[in-house]
């Protein structure tokens, strides 16, 4: 009986550790983002998660998703906690929550380092996932709090990759800044959006690249 129980538990073990990706979606809600731009981000992110290829990869990989809103120093909050995407219905509910997520702050600075630092700690709750990834969007350079580049060694030690989408509405060199100071990890990349109007399509392509583990350069903005 003991041997049968042991074999059964071994057979079930892969299912318990089936999570391929823990993906923290970190959205910029600093003062430079107006209410319409905030809505474009959240609606675009929800639509990107519903893309047929993205959604299938997330469900197949039993992914864990979390939403973070961030702005200035000490102002980072998990607004949707880790959610296991074990069905398309679960994914749809998560996307609905993203689209409806109320904005927490409106008039503060940009503390990218603190957003990363807070998010790193949240991966302790999803140790079963093979990949840990922060997907950070922003429309400006970090101007408050911890220098994001100083967290690179911690991120590498923790096995957390950071990718970014640079919204260059008012910061034409933001992609280069994110490349030098924000992204980290094997295969890390930056996607550029010329403005918020471009965000929905760019975030969709970014999610495609992330969830399918593609290493080919699908986006010419990776530099």
N, C-alpha and C. Protein backbone atom coordinates (compact mmCIF):
# COMPACT_ATOMS: atom_id res chain seq x y z
N UNK A 1 0.83 -1.20 0.00
CA UNK A 1 0.00 0.00 0.00
C UNK A 1 0.87 1.26 0.00
N UNK A 2 1.95 1.21 0.79
CA UNK A 2 2.83 2.37 0.86
C UNK A 2 3.46 2.65 -0.51
N UNK A 3 3.91 1.56 -1.20
CA UNK A 3 4.54 1.72 -2.50
C UNK A 3 3.55 2.30 -3.51
N UNK A 4 2.31 1.82 -3.47
CA UNK A 4 1.29 2.33 -4.39
C UNK A 4 1.04 3.82 -4.13
N UNK A 5 0.98 4.21 -2.86
CA UNK A 5 0.76 5.62 -2.52
C UNK A 5 1.93 6.48 -3.00
N UNK A 6 3.16 5.93 -2.86
CA UNK A 6 4.33 6.67 -3.29
C UNK A 6 4.32 6.88 -4.79
N UNK A 7 4.00 5.83 -5.54
CA UNK A 7 3.95 5.94 -6.99
C UNK A 7 2.88 6.93 -7.42
N UNK A 8 1.72 6.86 -6.76
CA UNK A 8 0.63 7.78 -7.08
C UNK A 8 1.05 9.23 -6.85
N UNK A 9 1.72 9.48 -5.73
CA UNK A 9 2.14 10.85 -5.43
C UNK A 9 3.18 11.33 -6.43
N UNK A 10 4.04 10.43 -6.88
CA UNK A 10 5.04 10.80 -7.87
C UNK A 10 4.40 11.13 -9.21
N UNK A 11 3.36 10.39 -9.54
CA UNK A 11 2.66 10.65 -10.79
C UNK A 11 1.91 11.98 -10.75
N UNK A 12 1.43 12.32 -9.57
CA UNK A 12 0.67 13.56 -9.44
C UNK A 12 1.56 14.77 -9.29
N UNK A 13 2.81 14.56 -8.89
CA UNK A 13 3.71 15.68 -8.61
C UNK A 13 3.86 16.65 -9.77
N UNK A 14 4.04 16.18 -11.02
CA UNK A 14 4.20 17.13 -12.11
C UNK A 14 3.03 18.08 -12.25
N UNK A 15 1.81 17.59 -11.95
CA UNK A 15 0.65 18.46 -12.06
C UNK A 15 0.70 19.55 -11.01
N UNK A 16 1.23 19.23 -9.83
CA UNK A 16 1.30 20.22 -8.76
C UNK A 16 2.31 21.31 -9.07
N UNK A 17 3.29 21.01 -9.93
CA UNK A 17 4.33 21.96 -10.27
C UNK A 17 4.28 22.27 -11.77
N UNK A 18 3.07 22.38 -12.30
CA UNK A 18 2.91 22.55 -13.74
C UNK A 18 3.01 24.01 -14.18
N UNK A 19 3.11 24.94 -13.24
CA UNK A 19 3.12 26.35 -13.61
C UNK A 19 4.39 26.69 -14.39
N UNK A 20 4.20 27.16 -15.60
CA UNK A 20 5.34 27.53 -16.43
C UNK A 20 5.81 28.95 -16.14
N UNK A 21 4.87 29.86 -15.85
CA UNK A 21 5.21 31.27 -15.78
C UNK A 21 4.43 31.97 -14.68
N UNK A 22 5.16 32.72 -13.83
CA UNK A 22 4.55 33.67 -12.91
C UNK A 22 4.83 35.05 -13.48
N UNK A 23 3.78 35.74 -13.88
CA UNK A 23 3.91 37.01 -14.60
C UNK A 23 3.26 38.14 -13.80
N UNK A 24 4.09 39.07 -13.33
CA UNK A 24 3.60 40.24 -12.61
C UNK A 24 3.48 41.40 -13.60
N UNK A 25 2.28 41.90 -13.77
CA UNK A 25 2.00 42.99 -14.70
C UNK A 25 2.02 44.30 -13.91
N UNK A 26 3.07 45.09 -14.11
CA UNK A 26 3.28 46.31 -13.31
C UNK A 26 2.98 47.53 -14.16
N UNK A 27 1.90 48.23 -13.81
CA UNK A 27 1.36 49.31 -14.64
C UNK A 27 1.66 50.67 -14.00
N UNK A 28 2.19 51.58 -14.79
CA UNK A 28 2.52 52.93 -14.37
C UNK A 28 1.24 53.76 -14.22
N UNK A 29 1.02 54.31 -13.01
CA UNK A 29 -0.13 55.20 -12.78
C UNK A 29 0.36 56.54 -12.22
N UNK A 30 1.55 56.95 -12.61
CA UNK A 30 2.12 58.20 -12.11
C UNK A 30 1.37 59.40 -12.67
N UNK A 31 1.76 60.59 -12.19
CA UNK A 31 1.03 61.80 -12.55
C UNK A 31 1.08 62.15 -14.01
N UNK A 32 2.04 61.63 -14.76
CA UNK A 32 2.13 61.91 -16.19
C UNK A 32 1.13 61.12 -17.01
N UNK A 33 0.44 60.18 -16.37
CA UNK A 33 -0.57 59.34 -17.05
C UNK A 33 -1.95 59.90 -16.73
N UNK A 34 -2.65 60.44 -17.73
CA UNK A 34 -3.97 60.98 -17.45
C UNK A 34 -5.02 59.87 -17.45
N UNK A 35 -6.26 60.23 -17.16
CA UNK A 35 -7.30 59.21 -17.00
C UNK A 35 -7.56 58.44 -18.29
N UNK A 36 -7.51 59.12 -19.43
CA UNK A 36 -7.72 58.42 -20.71
C UNK A 36 -6.57 57.47 -20.99
N UNK A 37 -5.34 57.89 -20.70
CA UNK A 37 -4.18 57.04 -20.92
C UNK A 37 -4.19 55.83 -19.98
N UNK A 38 -4.64 56.04 -18.77
CA UNK A 38 -4.79 54.91 -17.85
C UNK A 38 -5.77 53.89 -18.42
N UNK A 39 -6.89 54.38 -18.94
CA UNK A 39 -7.90 53.48 -19.50
C UNK A 39 -7.35 52.74 -20.71
N UNK A 40 -6.57 53.42 -21.55
CA UNK A 40 -5.96 52.75 -22.71
C UNK A 40 -5.06 51.61 -22.24
N UNK A 41 -4.27 51.85 -21.19
CA UNK A 41 -3.39 50.80 -20.68
C UNK A 41 -4.18 49.59 -20.19
N UNK A 42 -5.18 49.82 -19.37
CA UNK A 42 -5.89 48.71 -18.76
C UNK A 42 -6.72 47.94 -19.80
N UNK A 43 -7.38 48.66 -20.68
CA UNK A 43 -8.16 47.98 -21.73
C UNK A 43 -7.24 47.23 -22.69
N UNK A 44 -6.10 47.86 -23.02
CA UNK A 44 -5.15 47.21 -23.92
C UNK A 44 -4.55 45.97 -23.31
N UNK A 45 -4.25 46.03 -22.02
CA UNK A 45 -3.70 44.87 -21.33
C UNK A 45 -4.71 43.74 -21.27
N UNK A 46 -5.96 44.07 -20.96
CA UNK A 46 -7.00 43.05 -20.92
C UNK A 46 -7.19 42.40 -22.28
N UNK A 47 -7.18 43.21 -23.34
CA UNK A 47 -7.33 42.67 -24.69
C UNK A 47 -6.14 41.79 -25.06
N UNK A 48 -4.93 42.20 -24.66
CA UNK A 48 -3.75 41.40 -24.95
C UNK A 48 -3.79 40.04 -24.29
N UNK A 49 -4.28 40.00 -23.06
CA UNK A 49 -4.40 38.72 -22.35
C UNK A 49 -5.40 37.79 -23.05
N UNK A 50 -6.38 38.38 -23.73
CA UNK A 50 -7.40 37.57 -24.42
C UNK A 50 -6.99 37.16 -25.83
N UNK A 51 -5.86 37.64 -26.30
CA UNK A 51 -5.39 37.20 -27.62
C UNK A 51 -5.38 35.67 -27.66
N UNK A 52 -5.87 35.05 -28.73
CA UNK A 52 -5.99 33.58 -28.76
C UNK A 52 -4.69 32.84 -28.46
N UNK A 53 -3.58 33.30 -29.01
CA UNK A 53 -2.30 32.62 -28.77
C UNK A 53 -1.84 32.85 -27.34
N UNK A 54 -1.96 34.07 -26.87
CA UNK A 54 -1.56 34.39 -25.49
C UNK A 54 -2.39 33.59 -24.50
N UNK A 55 -3.70 33.61 -24.67
CA UNK A 55 -4.58 32.94 -23.71
C UNK A 55 -4.33 31.44 -23.69
N UNK A 56 -4.12 30.84 -24.86
CA UNK A 56 -3.87 29.39 -24.89
C UNK A 56 -2.56 29.05 -24.18
N UNK A 57 -1.53 29.87 -24.41
CA UNK A 57 -0.24 29.62 -23.75
C UNK A 57 -0.36 29.76 -22.24
N UNK A 58 -1.11 30.74 -21.78
CA UNK A 58 -1.27 30.95 -20.34
C UNK A 58 -2.03 29.79 -19.70
N UNK A 59 -3.08 29.33 -20.36
CA UNK A 59 -3.86 28.22 -19.80
C UNK A 59 -3.05 26.93 -19.84
N UNK A 60 -2.42 26.66 -20.96
CA UNK A 60 -1.61 25.43 -21.07
C UNK A 60 -0.49 25.41 -20.03
N UNK A 61 0.10 26.58 -19.78
CA UNK A 61 1.20 26.67 -18.84
C UNK A 61 0.77 26.84 -17.41
N UNK A 62 -0.56 26.84 -17.16
CA UNK A 62 -1.06 27.02 -15.79
C UNK A 62 -0.40 28.23 -15.13
N UNK A 63 -0.34 29.33 -15.88
CA UNK A 63 0.38 30.51 -15.43
C UNK A 63 -0.26 31.14 -14.20
N UNK A 64 0.54 31.85 -13.45
CA UNK A 64 0.08 32.70 -12.35
C UNK A 64 0.23 34.15 -12.79
N UNK A 65 -0.84 34.92 -12.66
CA UNK A 65 -0.82 36.33 -13.04
C UNK A 65 -1.14 37.21 -11.85
N UNK A 66 -0.51 38.38 -11.81
CA UNK A 66 -0.74 39.36 -10.76
C UNK A 66 -0.68 40.75 -11.37
N UNK A 67 -1.51 41.68 -10.87
CA UNK A 67 -1.48 43.06 -11.35
C UNK A 67 -1.00 43.99 -10.25
N UNK A 68 -0.05 44.85 -10.62
CA UNK A 68 0.50 45.84 -9.69
C UNK A 68 0.31 47.23 -10.28
N UNK A 69 -0.18 48.17 -9.48
CA UNK A 69 -0.16 49.58 -9.85
C UNK A 69 0.98 50.24 -9.09
N UNK A 70 1.73 51.11 -9.78
CA UNK A 70 2.88 51.75 -9.13
C UNK A 70 3.03 53.18 -9.59
N UNK A 71 3.58 54.00 -8.70
CA UNK A 71 3.88 55.39 -9.04
C UNK A 71 5.08 55.83 -8.22
N UNK A 72 4.93 56.82 -7.32
CA UNK A 72 6.07 57.35 -6.59
C UNK A 72 6.52 56.50 -5.42
N UNK A 73 7.49 57.00 -4.70
CA UNK A 73 8.07 56.30 -3.57
C UNK A 73 7.01 55.90 -2.56
N UNK A 74 7.06 54.65 -2.13
CA UNK A 74 6.14 54.02 -1.16
C UNK A 74 4.73 53.83 -1.71
N UNK A 75 4.53 54.07 -2.98
CA UNK A 75 3.19 53.92 -3.56
C UNK A 75 3.19 52.85 -4.64
N UNK A 76 3.16 51.62 -4.19
CA UNK A 76 3.05 50.45 -5.07
C UNK A 76 2.04 49.51 -4.41
N UNK A 77 1.13 48.98 -5.18
CA UNK A 77 0.11 48.12 -4.58
C UNK A 77 -0.28 46.99 -5.54
N UNK A 78 -0.41 45.79 -4.97
CA UNK A 78 -0.99 44.67 -5.71
C UNK A 78 -2.51 44.88 -5.71
N UNK A 79 -3.06 45.12 -6.88
CA UNK A 79 -4.51 45.35 -6.95
C UNK A 79 -5.28 44.09 -7.37
N UNK A 80 -4.60 43.15 -8.01
CA UNK A 80 -5.18 41.82 -8.28
C UNK A 80 -4.12 40.80 -7.88
N UNK A 81 -4.36 39.99 -6.86
CA UNK A 81 -3.34 39.06 -6.36
C UNK A 81 -3.09 37.92 -7.35
N UNK A 82 -2.07 37.13 -7.06
CA UNK A 82 -1.74 35.98 -7.91
C UNK A 82 -2.98 35.14 -8.18
N UNK A 83 -3.19 34.87 -9.45
CA UNK A 83 -4.34 34.07 -9.89
C UNK A 83 -3.85 32.99 -10.83
N UNK A 84 -4.13 31.74 -10.50
CA UNK A 84 -3.73 30.63 -11.38
C UNK A 84 -4.68 30.58 -12.57
N UNK A 85 -4.11 30.62 -13.76
CA UNK A 85 -4.90 30.60 -14.99
C UNK A 85 -5.05 29.15 -15.43
N UNK A 86 -6.04 28.47 -14.84
CA UNK A 86 -6.22 27.04 -15.10
C UNK A 86 -7.33 26.76 -16.10
N UNK A 87 -7.94 27.81 -16.66
CA UNK A 87 -9.00 27.63 -17.67
C UNK A 87 -9.19 28.96 -18.40
N UNK A 88 -9.84 28.88 -19.55
CA UNK A 88 -10.13 30.11 -20.29
C UNK A 88 -11.13 30.97 -19.53
N UNK A 89 -12.01 30.35 -18.78
CA UNK A 89 -12.96 31.12 -17.98
C UNK A 89 -12.23 31.93 -16.91
N UNK A 90 -11.22 31.31 -16.29
CA UNK A 90 -10.43 32.02 -15.28
C UNK A 90 -9.69 33.20 -15.92
N UNK A 91 -9.14 32.96 -17.10
CA UNK A 91 -8.44 34.03 -17.81
C UNK A 91 -9.39 35.18 -18.13
N UNK A 92 -10.59 34.86 -18.60
CA UNK A 92 -11.56 35.90 -18.91
C UNK A 92 -11.92 36.72 -17.68
N UNK A 93 -12.07 36.05 -16.55
CA UNK A 93 -12.39 36.76 -15.31
C UNK A 93 -11.23 37.68 -14.91
N UNK A 94 -10.00 37.18 -15.06
CA UNK A 94 -8.85 38.00 -14.72
C UNK A 94 -8.79 39.23 -15.63
N UNK A 95 -9.00 39.02 -16.94
CA UNK A 95 -8.99 40.14 -17.88
C UNK A 95 -10.09 41.14 -17.56
N UNK A 96 -11.25 40.65 -17.17
CA UNK A 96 -12.34 41.55 -16.76
C UNK A 96 -11.92 42.39 -15.55
N UNK A 97 -11.24 41.75 -14.60
CA UNK A 97 -10.77 42.48 -13.42
C UNK A 97 -9.76 43.55 -13.80
N UNK A 98 -8.86 43.23 -14.73
CA UNK A 98 -7.88 44.21 -15.19
C UNK A 98 -8.59 45.41 -15.80
N UNK A 99 -9.52 45.15 -16.69
CA UNK A 99 -10.23 46.24 -17.37
C UNK A 99 -11.01 47.12 -16.40
N UNK A 100 -11.48 46.52 -15.32
CA UNK A 100 -12.31 47.26 -14.35
C UNK A 100 -11.51 47.77 -13.16
N UNK A 101 -10.21 47.50 -13.12
CA UNK A 101 -9.41 47.82 -11.94
C UNK A 101 -9.39 49.34 -11.69
N UNK A 102 -9.88 49.81 -10.55
CA UNK A 102 -9.89 51.26 -10.30
C UNK A 102 -8.48 51.78 -10.04
N UNK A 103 -8.24 52.96 -10.52
CA UNK A 103 -6.92 53.58 -10.34
C UNK A 103 -6.72 53.95 -8.87
N UNK A 104 -5.53 53.64 -8.34
CA UNK A 104 -5.26 53.87 -6.92
C UNK A 104 -4.69 55.27 -6.67
N UNK A 105 -3.76 55.74 -7.54
CA UNK A 105 -3.14 57.06 -7.37
C UNK A 105 -3.18 57.83 -8.68
N UNK A 106 -3.00 59.17 -8.59
CA UNK A 106 -3.08 60.00 -9.79
C UNK A 106 -1.96 61.03 -9.93
N UNK A 107 -1.42 61.53 -8.84
CA UNK A 107 -0.59 62.74 -8.93
C UNK A 107 0.77 62.59 -8.27
N UNK A 108 1.46 61.48 -8.55
CA UNK A 108 2.74 61.26 -7.89
C UNK A 108 3.85 60.99 -8.90
N UNK A 109 5.07 60.84 -8.39
CA UNK A 109 6.26 60.71 -9.23
C UNK A 109 6.42 59.29 -9.78
N UNK A 110 7.62 59.00 -10.28
CA UNK A 110 7.91 57.72 -10.95
C UNK A 110 9.04 57.02 -10.22
N UNK A 111 8.70 56.00 -9.45
CA UNK A 111 9.70 55.27 -8.66
C UNK A 111 9.79 53.83 -9.17
N UNK A 112 10.49 53.65 -10.28
CA UNK A 112 10.58 52.33 -10.90
C UNK A 112 11.29 51.34 -9.99
N UNK A 113 12.37 51.78 -9.36
CA UNK A 113 13.12 50.87 -8.49
C UNK A 113 12.26 50.32 -7.37
N UNK A 114 11.46 51.16 -6.76
CA UNK A 114 10.62 50.70 -5.67
C UNK A 114 9.50 49.79 -6.16
N UNK A 115 9.03 50.04 -7.38
CA UNK A 115 8.03 49.13 -7.96
C UNK A 115 8.63 47.74 -8.14
N UNK A 116 9.87 47.69 -8.63
CA UNK A 116 10.53 46.40 -8.82
C UNK A 116 10.81 45.73 -7.48
N UNK A 117 11.29 46.50 -6.51
CA UNK A 117 11.63 45.93 -5.21
C UNK A 117 10.41 45.30 -4.54
N UNK A 118 9.29 46.00 -4.57
CA UNK A 118 8.08 45.45 -3.97
C UNK A 118 7.63 44.19 -4.69
N UNK A 119 7.71 44.20 -6.01
CA UNK A 119 7.21 43.08 -6.79
C UNK A 119 8.09 41.84 -6.62
N UNK A 120 9.40 42.02 -6.49
CA UNK A 120 10.30 40.88 -6.31
C UNK A 120 9.82 40.00 -5.17
N UNK A 121 9.47 40.62 -4.05
CA UNK A 121 9.09 39.86 -2.85
C UNK A 121 7.84 39.02 -3.06
N UNK A 122 6.98 39.43 -3.97
CA UNK A 122 5.72 38.72 -4.19
C UNK A 122 5.92 37.35 -4.85
N UNK A 123 7.08 37.14 -5.48
CA UNK A 123 7.32 35.86 -6.13
C UNK A 123 7.54 34.73 -5.11
N UNK A 124 7.75 35.07 -3.85
CA UNK A 124 7.86 34.04 -2.82
C UNK A 124 6.58 33.21 -2.72
N UNK A 125 5.48 33.77 -3.18
CA UNK A 125 4.18 33.08 -3.09
C UNK A 125 3.94 32.11 -4.23
N UNK A 126 4.79 32.14 -5.26
CA UNK A 126 4.60 31.26 -6.42
C UNK A 126 5.90 30.52 -6.75
N UNK A 127 6.48 29.82 -5.78
CA UNK A 127 7.77 29.16 -6.01
C UNK A 127 7.67 28.00 -7.00
N UNK A 128 6.45 27.50 -7.22
CA UNK A 128 6.28 26.35 -8.10
C UNK A 128 6.45 26.70 -9.58
N UNK A 129 6.42 27.99 -9.92
CA UNK A 129 6.49 28.39 -11.32
C UNK A 129 7.94 28.37 -11.82
N UNK A 130 8.11 27.88 -13.04
CA UNK A 130 9.45 27.74 -13.61
C UNK A 130 10.10 29.07 -13.93
N UNK A 131 9.30 30.01 -14.42
CA UNK A 131 9.83 31.32 -14.79
C UNK A 131 9.14 32.40 -13.97
N UNK A 132 9.92 33.37 -13.52
CA UNK A 132 9.40 34.52 -12.79
C UNK A 132 9.71 35.78 -13.60
N UNK A 133 8.68 36.52 -13.94
CA UNK A 133 8.83 37.63 -14.87
C UNK A 133 8.02 38.84 -14.43
N UNK A 134 8.66 40.02 -14.47
CA UNK A 134 7.96 41.29 -14.26
C UNK A 134 7.83 41.97 -15.61
N UNK A 135 6.60 42.32 -15.94
CA UNK A 135 6.29 43.02 -17.19
C UNK A 135 5.94 44.46 -16.79
N UNK A 136 6.90 45.38 -16.93
CA UNK A 136 6.71 46.74 -16.45
C UNK A 136 6.44 47.69 -17.60
N UNK A 137 5.39 48.49 -17.45
CA UNK A 137 5.11 49.54 -18.43
C UNK A 137 5.37 50.89 -17.78
N UNK A 138 5.83 51.85 -18.58
CA UNK A 138 6.09 53.18 -18.04
C UNK A 138 6.22 54.20 -19.14
N UNK A 139 5.99 55.49 -18.76
CA UNK A 139 6.11 56.56 -19.75
C UNK A 139 7.15 57.59 -19.35
N UNK A 140 8.01 57.23 -18.38
CA UNK A 140 9.05 58.17 -17.97
C UNK A 140 10.16 57.48 -17.22
N UNK A 141 11.26 58.21 -17.05
CA UNK A 141 12.40 57.67 -16.32
C UNK A 141 12.12 57.71 -14.82
N UNK A 142 12.82 56.90 -14.07
CA UNK A 142 12.66 56.90 -12.62
C UNK A 142 13.22 58.20 -12.06
N UNK A 143 12.42 58.91 -11.26
CA UNK A 143 12.86 60.19 -10.73
C UNK A 143 12.69 60.28 -9.21
N UNK A 144 12.51 59.13 -8.58
CA UNK A 144 12.34 59.11 -7.13
C UNK A 144 12.66 57.72 -6.61
N UNK A 145 13.18 57.66 -5.39
CA UNK A 145 13.41 56.38 -4.75
C UNK A 145 14.65 55.66 -5.25
N UNK A 146 14.64 54.34 -5.15
CA UNK A 146 15.78 53.49 -5.47
C UNK A 146 16.09 53.54 -6.97
N UNK A 147 17.37 53.62 -7.30
CA UNK A 147 17.80 53.51 -8.70
C UNK A 147 17.50 52.08 -9.17
N UNK A 148 16.67 51.90 -10.22
CA UNK A 148 16.33 50.53 -10.64
C UNK A 148 17.54 49.68 -11.00
N UNK A 149 18.59 50.29 -11.53
CA UNK A 149 19.78 49.52 -11.92
C UNK A 149 20.43 48.86 -10.71
N UNK A 150 20.27 49.45 -9.53
CA UNK A 150 20.87 48.88 -8.33
C UNK A 150 20.20 47.58 -7.88
N UNK A 151 19.06 47.28 -8.47
CA UNK A 151 18.35 46.05 -8.13
C UNK A 151 18.69 44.90 -9.07
N UNK A 152 19.50 45.14 -10.06
CA UNK A 152 19.78 44.10 -11.05
C UNK A 152 20.40 42.86 -10.43
N UNK A 153 21.34 43.03 -9.52
CA UNK A 153 21.97 41.85 -8.93
C UNK A 153 20.97 41.06 -8.10
N UNK A 154 20.09 41.75 -7.38
CA UNK A 154 19.05 41.06 -6.61
C UNK A 154 18.11 40.30 -7.53
N UNK A 155 17.71 40.93 -8.62
CA UNK A 155 16.81 40.28 -9.57
C UNK A 155 17.46 39.04 -10.17
N UNK A 156 18.73 39.13 -10.52
CA UNK A 156 19.42 37.97 -11.07
C UNK A 156 19.52 36.85 -10.03
N UNK A 157 19.86 37.23 -8.79
CA UNK A 157 19.97 36.23 -7.74
C UNK A 157 18.65 35.53 -7.48
N UNK A 158 17.56 36.25 -7.62
CA UNK A 158 16.23 35.68 -7.36
C UNK A 158 15.65 34.99 -8.59
N UNK A 159 16.35 35.07 -9.72
CA UNK A 159 15.86 34.45 -10.95
C UNK A 159 14.65 35.14 -11.53
N UNK A 160 14.57 36.45 -11.34
CA UNK A 160 13.43 37.23 -11.86
C UNK A 160 13.89 38.04 -13.07
N UNK A 161 13.20 37.86 -14.19
CA UNK A 161 13.47 38.63 -15.40
C UNK A 161 12.55 39.84 -15.43
N UNK A 162 13.08 40.96 -15.92
CA UNK A 162 12.26 42.16 -16.11
C UNK A 162 12.28 42.54 -17.57
N UNK A 163 11.10 42.59 -18.17
CA UNK A 163 10.90 43.16 -19.50
C UNK A 163 10.13 44.47 -19.34
N UNK A 164 10.17 45.31 -20.36
CA UNK A 164 9.51 46.62 -20.23
C UNK A 164 8.88 47.04 -21.54
N UNK A 165 7.84 47.86 -21.41
CA UNK A 165 7.27 48.56 -22.56
C UNK A 165 7.43 50.05 -22.29
N UNK A 166 8.15 50.72 -23.16
CA UNK A 166 8.45 52.14 -23.02
C UNK A 166 7.45 52.95 -23.85
N UNK A 167 6.65 53.75 -23.17
CA UNK A 167 5.65 54.59 -23.85
C UNK A 167 6.28 55.96 -24.04
N UNK A 168 6.72 56.24 -25.25
CA UNK A 168 7.55 57.42 -25.51
C UNK A 168 6.73 58.65 -25.89
N UNK A 169 5.59 58.81 -25.27
CA UNK A 169 4.72 59.96 -25.54
C UNK A 169 5.47 61.28 -25.33
N UNK A 170 6.19 61.38 -24.23
CA UNK A 170 6.91 62.62 -23.92
C UNK A 170 8.39 62.37 -23.63
N UNK A 171 8.84 61.13 -23.75
CA UNK A 171 10.24 60.76 -23.48
C UNK A 171 10.78 59.96 -24.67
N UNK A 172 11.27 60.65 -25.71
CA UNK A 172 11.69 59.94 -26.93
C UNK A 172 12.87 58.98 -26.74
N UNK A 173 13.63 59.12 -25.66
CA UNK A 173 14.77 58.23 -25.42
C UNK A 173 14.47 57.20 -24.33
N UNK A 174 13.19 57.00 -24.05
CA UNK A 174 12.83 56.13 -22.92
C UNK A 174 13.23 54.67 -23.16
N UNK A 175 13.12 54.21 -24.40
CA UNK A 175 13.51 52.82 -24.68
C UNK A 175 14.97 52.58 -24.32
N UNK A 176 15.84 53.50 -24.69
CA UNK A 176 17.26 53.37 -24.36
C UNK A 176 17.47 53.38 -22.85
N UNK A 177 16.73 54.24 -22.15
CA UNK A 177 16.85 54.29 -20.68
C UNK A 177 16.41 52.96 -20.06
N UNK A 178 15.30 52.43 -20.51
CA UNK A 178 14.82 51.15 -19.97
C UNK A 178 15.81 50.03 -20.27
N UNK A 179 16.38 50.08 -21.48
CA UNK A 179 17.34 49.04 -21.85
C UNK A 179 18.55 49.08 -20.92
N UNK A 180 19.02 50.26 -20.58
CA UNK A 180 20.22 50.40 -19.75
C UNK A 180 19.95 50.21 -18.26
N UNK A 181 18.78 50.59 -17.79
CA UNK A 181 18.55 50.71 -16.35
C UNK A 181 17.47 49.80 -15.77
N UNK A 182 16.57 49.31 -16.58
CA UNK A 182 15.40 48.61 -16.04
C UNK A 182 15.41 47.12 -16.33
N UNK A 183 15.55 46.74 -17.59
CA UNK A 183 15.40 45.32 -17.93
C UNK A 183 16.61 44.53 -17.45
N UNK A 184 16.38 43.27 -17.14
CA UNK A 184 17.45 42.41 -16.66
C UNK A 184 17.01 40.95 -16.81
N UNK A 185 17.96 40.06 -16.99
CA UNK A 185 17.66 38.64 -17.10
C UNK A 185 17.89 38.12 -18.50
N UNK A 186 18.02 36.80 -18.60
CA UNK A 186 18.27 36.17 -19.89
C UNK A 186 17.12 36.44 -20.85
N UNK A 187 17.45 36.99 -22.01
CA UNK A 187 16.45 37.28 -23.02
C UNK A 187 15.60 38.50 -22.74
N UNK A 188 15.94 39.31 -21.74
CA UNK A 188 15.14 40.49 -21.40
C UNK A 188 15.10 41.46 -22.58
N UNK A 189 13.98 42.14 -22.74
CA UNK A 189 13.82 43.04 -23.88
C UNK A 189 12.91 44.21 -23.55
N UNK A 190 13.01 45.23 -24.39
CA UNK A 190 12.16 46.42 -24.31
C UNK A 190 11.35 46.53 -25.59
N UNK A 191 10.09 46.86 -25.45
CA UNK A 191 9.22 47.16 -26.58
C UNK A 191 8.87 48.64 -26.51
N UNK A 192 8.91 49.33 -27.64
CA UNK A 192 8.58 50.76 -27.68
C UNK A 192 7.18 51.00 -28.21
N UNK A 193 6.49 51.94 -27.58
CA UNK A 193 5.23 52.46 -28.10
C UNK A 193 5.44 53.95 -28.30
N UNK A 194 5.16 54.46 -29.50
CA UNK A 194 5.38 55.89 -29.77
C UNK A 194 4.53 56.75 -28.86
N UNK A 195 3.37 56.23 -28.49
CA UNK A 195 2.47 56.94 -27.59
C UNK A 195 1.46 55.96 -27.02
N UNK A 196 0.55 56.46 -26.21
CA UNK A 196 -0.42 55.57 -25.59
C UNK A 196 -1.34 54.92 -26.62
N UNK A 197 -1.57 55.60 -27.73
CA UNK A 197 -2.44 55.02 -28.77
C UNK A 197 -1.85 53.72 -29.31
N UNK A 198 -0.53 53.59 -29.28
CA UNK A 198 0.14 52.38 -29.77
C UNK A 198 0.20 51.27 -28.73
N UNK A 199 -0.12 51.62 -27.49
CA UNK A 199 0.07 50.66 -26.39
C UNK A 199 -0.66 49.33 -26.60
N UNK A 200 -1.95 49.32 -26.95
CA UNK A 200 -2.64 48.03 -27.03
C UNK A 200 -1.98 47.02 -27.96
N UNK A 201 -1.56 47.47 -29.15
CA UNK A 201 -0.93 46.54 -30.08
C UNK A 201 0.45 46.12 -29.61
N UNK A 202 1.19 47.05 -29.01
CA UNK A 202 2.54 46.73 -28.55
C UNK A 202 2.52 45.78 -27.35
N UNK A 203 1.58 45.98 -26.44
CA UNK A 203 1.52 45.08 -25.28
C UNK A 203 1.08 43.69 -25.72
N UNK A 204 0.22 43.62 -26.72
CA UNK A 204 -0.20 42.30 -27.23
C UNK A 204 1.01 41.55 -27.79
N UNK A 205 1.82 42.22 -28.59
CA UNK A 205 3.00 41.57 -29.16
C UNK A 205 4.01 41.22 -28.07
N UNK A 206 4.10 42.06 -27.06
CA UNK A 206 5.02 41.79 -25.96
C UNK A 206 4.59 40.55 -25.19
N UNK A 207 3.31 40.45 -24.90
CA UNK A 207 2.80 39.27 -24.20
C UNK A 207 3.00 38.00 -25.03
N UNK A 208 2.79 38.10 -26.34
CA UNK A 208 3.02 36.95 -27.22
C UNK A 208 4.45 36.45 -27.07
N UNK A 209 5.37 37.37 -27.09
CA UNK A 209 6.77 36.99 -26.98
C UNK A 209 7.09 36.38 -25.62
N UNK A 210 6.53 36.95 -24.58
CA UNK A 210 6.83 36.48 -23.23
C UNK A 210 6.24 35.10 -22.93
N UNK A 211 4.96 34.94 -23.25
CA UNK A 211 4.31 33.70 -22.82
C UNK A 211 4.66 32.51 -23.68
N UNK A 212 5.12 32.75 -24.91
CA UNK A 212 5.49 31.63 -25.77
C UNK A 212 6.99 31.36 -25.74
N UNK A 213 7.72 32.11 -24.90
CA UNK A 213 9.18 31.92 -24.74
C UNK A 213 9.94 32.07 -26.04
N UNK A 214 9.45 32.91 -26.93
CA UNK A 214 10.15 33.08 -28.19
C UNK A 214 11.41 33.89 -27.96
N UNK A 215 12.47 33.48 -28.60
CA UNK A 215 13.74 34.20 -28.49
C UNK A 215 14.07 34.98 -29.76
N UNK A 216 13.33 34.70 -30.83
CA UNK A 216 13.57 35.46 -32.06
C UNK A 216 13.15 36.91 -31.83
N UNK A 217 13.78 37.81 -32.54
CA UNK A 217 13.47 39.22 -32.36
C UNK A 217 12.21 39.56 -33.13
N UNK A 218 11.07 39.43 -32.48
CA UNK A 218 9.80 39.72 -33.12
C UNK A 218 9.59 41.22 -33.25
N UNK A 219 10.35 42.00 -32.49
CA UNK A 219 10.09 43.42 -32.42
C UNK A 219 11.38 44.20 -32.69
N UNK A 220 11.40 45.08 -33.67
CA UNK A 220 12.61 45.83 -33.97
C UNK A 220 13.01 46.79 -32.87
N UNK A 221 12.16 46.97 -31.84
CA UNK A 221 12.49 47.89 -30.76
C UNK A 221 13.37 47.24 -29.70
N UNK A 222 13.72 45.97 -29.87
CA UNK A 222 14.63 45.31 -28.93
C UNK A 222 16.05 45.75 -29.27
N UNK A 223 16.60 46.59 -28.43
CA UNK A 223 17.96 47.06 -28.70
C UNK A 223 18.67 47.36 -27.39
